[in-house]
Amino acid sequence: MAIKDDFLKYVPIFTDLDQATLDKIADLGNFRKFDKDSVILLENETGSALFVIVTGKVKVSRTSDDGREVILTIL
């Protein structure tokens, strides 16, 4: 599903952009819904997308040297 809403202008990294630029970014983007506890990106994996959280939370974590999960932040 394409990004249709004008919510991008409220995302801090996009607030200084004009509407035409926001529209271009929106045309390039897609909404994706992730189920609870889904892995979006693995540690040390190279990302190829920008994710904007519209609703919900994302846990950012890493694995410690002894194998435990260390939560870095909740977005």
Protein backbone atom coordinates (compact mmCIF):
# COMPACT_ATOMS: atom_id res chain seq x y z
CA MET A 1 0.00 0.00 0.00
CA ALA A 2 1.45 3.38 -0.96
CA ILE A 3 1.90 6.13 1.59
CA LYS A 4 -1.07 8.44 1.07
CA ASP A 5 -1.47 10.26 4.37
CA ASP A 6 0.35 13.52 5.00
CA PHE A 7 1.81 12.21 8.26
CA LEU A 8 5.35 12.51 6.86
CA LYS A 9 5.38 16.25 7.56
CA TYR A 10 5.17 15.40 11.27
CA VAL A 11 8.20 13.08 11.20
CA PRO A 12 11.14 15.08 12.63
CA ILE A 13 13.60 14.33 9.79
CA PHE A 14 11.05 15.53 7.23
CA THR A 15 9.66 18.66 8.94
CA ASP A 16 11.74 21.14 6.92
CA LEU A 17 10.78 19.68 3.54
CA ASP A 18 8.23 21.30 1.25
CA GLN A 19 5.03 19.47 0.29
CA ALA A 20 6.27 18.60 -3.22
CA THR A 21 9.29 16.82 -1.76
CA LEU A 22 7.15 15.06 0.83
CA ASP A 23 4.85 13.88 -1.94
CA LYS A 24 7.82 12.43 -3.85
CA ILE A 25 9.00 10.58 -0.74
CA ALA A 26 5.48 9.30 -0.10
CA ASP A 27 5.26 8.02 -3.68
CA LEU A 28 8.44 5.99 -3.12
CA GLY A 29 7.31 4.49 0.16
CA ASN A 30 5.01 1.71 1.21
CA PHE A 31 3.18 0.88 4.40
CA ARG A 32 4.22 -2.40 5.93
CA LYS A 33 2.61 -3.96 8.94
CA PHE A 34 4.71 -6.19 11.17
CA ASP A 35 3.28 -8.70 13.60
CA LYS A 36 4.24 -8.44 17.26
CA ASP A 37 7.71 -9.91 17.91
CA SER A 38 8.63 -9.88 14.20
CA VAL A 39 12.29 -9.35 13.38
CA ILE A 40 12.65 -6.34 11.10
CA LEU A 41 16.42 -6.28 10.82
CA LEU A 42 19.04 -8.58 12.32
CA GLU A 43 22.11 -7.41 14.20
CA ASN A 44 25.02 -6.75 11.79
CA GLU A 45 22.68 -6.97 8.79
CA THR A 46 22.95 -4.14 6.27
CA GLY A 47 19.66 -2.29 5.93
CA SER A 48 18.28 -1.13 2.62
CA ALA A 49 15.24 0.86 3.75
CA LEU A 50 14.11 3.64 6.02
CA PHE A 51 11.37 2.68 8.46
CA VAL A 52 9.02 5.25 9.99
CA ILE A 53 6.97 3.98 12.91
CA VAL A 54 3.38 5.09 12.40
CA THR A 55 1.85 3.17 15.31
CA GLY A 56 3.17 0.73 17.86
CA LYS A 57 6.62 0.19 19.31
CA VAL A 58 9.91 -1.25 18.13
CA LYS A 59 12.45 -2.86 20.45
CA VAL A 60 16.07 -2.34 19.45
CA SER A 61 18.36 -4.96 20.96
CA ARG A 62 21.65 -6.74 20.51
CA THR A 63 23.10 -10.00 21.74
CA SER A 64 25.77 -9.77 24.43
CA ASP A 65 28.98 -11.79 24.33
CA ASP A 66 27.41 -14.34 26.68
CA GLY A 67 24.33 -14.72 24.45
CA ARG A 68 21.86 -12.60 26.42
CA GLU A 69 19.57 -10.08 24.74
CA VAL A 70 20.45 -6.51 25.69
CA ILE A 71 17.67 -4.00 25.00
CA LEU A 72 19.18 -0.78 23.69
CA THR A 73 15.96 1.22 23.42
CA ILE A 74 12.24 1.03 22.75
CA LEU A 75 11.05 3.32 19.95
